[in-house]
Structures are given as structure tokens and as C-alpha cells.
Amino acid sequence: MYKVWYWTMVDRDSEGRFIASIPDLVDVAAYGATERDALANVTQLAEEHVRALVERGQSAPRASRAAEMPSAIRSKEFGRALIPVEIGRASVRPSATHSAHH
């Protein structure tokens, strides 16, 4: 197995719930009563999302580096975390921008 580490943004809504979202995985977000719950829920959704992509023959989305994430903390942002998503090594292909051309 191979782990891809995705940045997760954690916000709080007006009702006090925590919302964890992964910018690299569009439409993957989850609520939780605590930050830890939101991160656990979004981690499970991310694994299911990436697994479904791989099963359809697509490669796992590339994870952004810390330098590629917005530097300013958004107004409702509570925090950020890195979460691991386990996938088969064959599912990870280098992107064209990272491969060497000879």
C-alpha cells in the first residue's frame, strides 16, 4: 500500500459544528461535533472517493504541497491537517509536471 497525504481545511459553521474539506478532492467534506470527528469522517470519505477513482481506472489526484495551499487563514478557518489516504502503489502515477524528460 501507498499513502497519499492530502491537506484538509477545518472550518466551523454558525452552529458550532466542525467541517473538514479537502481542496485536492473536490466535493469531499464531512461534519463532526469535534475537529477530531470531522477529520475522521473526511478521512473515511477521502479513502472511499480515491478508491472509487482508482477502481474506474483513474489515478489518485495529486496532493498539493504546503507551499501550494493558501497562505492566509480564511475567516472561518479553524485549522489545517494532513490526512493519509492508502491506495495501491500501481494507482499512483507521476504527473507530467513532475516527470523527467530526456
Protein backbone atom coordinates (compact mmCIF):
# COMPACT_ATOMS: atom_id res chain seq x y z
CA MET A 1 0.00 0.00 0.00
CA TYR A 2 0.98 3.57 -0.61
CA LYS A 3 -0.16 6.68 1.28
CA VAL A 4 -1.02 9.98 -0.31
CA TRP A 5 -1.19 12.82 2.21
CA TYR A 6 -3.86 15.43 1.49
CA TRP A 7 -4.22 18.81 3.18
CA THR A 8 -7.51 19.22 4.97
CA MET A 9 -9.07 22.55 5.91
CA VAL A 10 -11.22 22.62 9.04
CA ASP A 11 -13.87 25.32 9.47
CA ARG A 12 -16.68 25.90 11.98
CA ASP A 13 -20.19 26.71 10.90
CA SER A 14 -22.57 29.11 12.64
CA GLU A 15 -23.99 26.22 14.69
CA GLY A 16 -20.56 25.27 16.07
CA ARG A 17 -20.11 22.10 14.00
CA PHE A 18 -16.70 21.40 12.50
CA ILE A 19 -16.44 20.93 8.73
CA ALA A 20 -13.36 19.25 7.23
CA SER A 21 -12.78 19.58 3.48
CA ILE A 22 -10.01 18.53 1.11
CA PRO A 23 -9.29 21.05 -1.67
CA ASP A 24 -7.49 18.42 -3.80
CA LEU A 25 -10.56 16.16 -3.69
CA VAL A 26 -13.40 18.31 -4.96
CA ASP A 27 -16.70 17.73 -3.17
CA VAL A 28 -15.14 15.71 -0.32
CA ALA A 29 -16.17 17.24 3.01
CA ALA A 30 -17.57 15.99 6.31
CA TYR A 31 -19.09 17.35 9.53
CA GLY A 32 -18.21 16.42 13.08
CA ALA A 33 -19.09 17.52 16.62
CA THR A 34 -15.36 17.99 17.24
CA GLU A 35 -12.38 18.71 14.99
CA ARG A 36 -11.21 15.12 15.51
CA ASP A 37 -14.61 13.71 14.47
CA ALA A 38 -14.68 15.87 11.33
CA LEU A 39 -11.15 14.74 10.38
CA ALA A 40 -12.00 11.06 10.98
CA ASN A 41 -15.16 11.38 8.87
CA VAL A 42 -13.44 13.19 5.99
CA THR A 43 -10.57 10.68 6.03
CA GLN A 44 -13.04 7.82 5.52
CA LEU A 45 -14.80 9.71 2.70
CA ALA A 46 -11.46 10.53 1.05
CA GLU A 47 -10.41 6.87 1.08
CA GLU A 48 -13.73 5.84 -0.48
CA HIS A 49 -13.53 8.64 -3.09
CA VAL A 50 -9.95 7.83 -4.14
CA ARG A 51 -10.63 4.07 -4.15
CA ALA A 52 -13.63 4.62 -6.46
CA LEU A 53 -11.47 6.70 -8.85
CA VAL A 54 -8.78 4.04 -8.92
CA GLU A 55 -11.32 1.25 -9.48
CA ARG A 56 -12.56 3.19 -12.55
CA GLY A 57 -9.00 3.23 -13.91
CA GLN A 58 -8.10 6.79 -12.96
CA SER A 59 -5.04 7.74 -10.96
CA ALA A 60 -5.26 9.20 -7.47
CA PRO A 61 -5.43 13.00 -7.51
CA ARG A 62 -2.10 14.66 -6.83
CA ALA A 63 -1.77 16.10 -3.35
CA SER A 64 -0.82 19.76 -3.11
CA ARG A 65 2.35 20.71 -1.31
CA ALA A 66 2.13 23.05 1.70
CA ALA A 67 3.54 25.90 -0.42
CA GLU A 68 0.60 25.49 -2.84
CA MET A 69 -2.03 25.96 -0.14
CA PRO A 70 -3.41 29.44 0.52
CA SER A 71 -1.14 31.20 2.99
CA ALA A 72 -3.77 33.42 4.57
CA ILE A 73 -6.04 31.77 7.10
CA ARG A 74 -9.62 32.14 5.92
CA SER A 75 -12.04 33.97 8.22
CA LYS A 76 -13.92 30.85 9.39
CA GLU A 77 -10.95 28.50 9.24
CA PHE A 78 -10.30 26.66 12.49
CA GLY A 79 -7.19 24.77 11.42
CA ARG A 80 -5.47 22.53 8.89
CA ALA A 81 -4.28 18.94 8.99
CA LEU A 82 -2.64 16.37 6.76
CA ILE A 83 -4.56 13.12 6.37
CA PRO A 84 -3.32 9.87 4.82
CA VAL A 85 -5.24 8.02 2.11
CA GLU A 86 -3.99 4.48 1.44
CA ILE A 87 -4.03 3.22 -2.13
CA GLY A 88 -2.27 0.57 -4.18
CA ARG A 89 1.14 1.69 -5.48
CA ALA A 90 0.16 0.97 -9.10
CA SER A 91 -2.59 3.58 -8.75
CA VAL A 92 -0.13 6.42 -8.26
CA ARG A 93 1.29 7.80 -11.46
CA PRO A 94 3.66 10.76 -11.57
CA SER A 95 2.08 13.84 -13.04
CA ALA A 96 3.53 15.30 -16.23
CA THR A 97 4.91 18.28 -14.33
CA HIS A 98 6.98 16.04 -12.06
CA SER A 99 8.31 13.53 -14.58
CA ALA A 100 11.76 13.91 -16.12
CA HIS A 101 12.02 14.32 -19.87
CA HIS A 102 15.15 13.04 -21.61
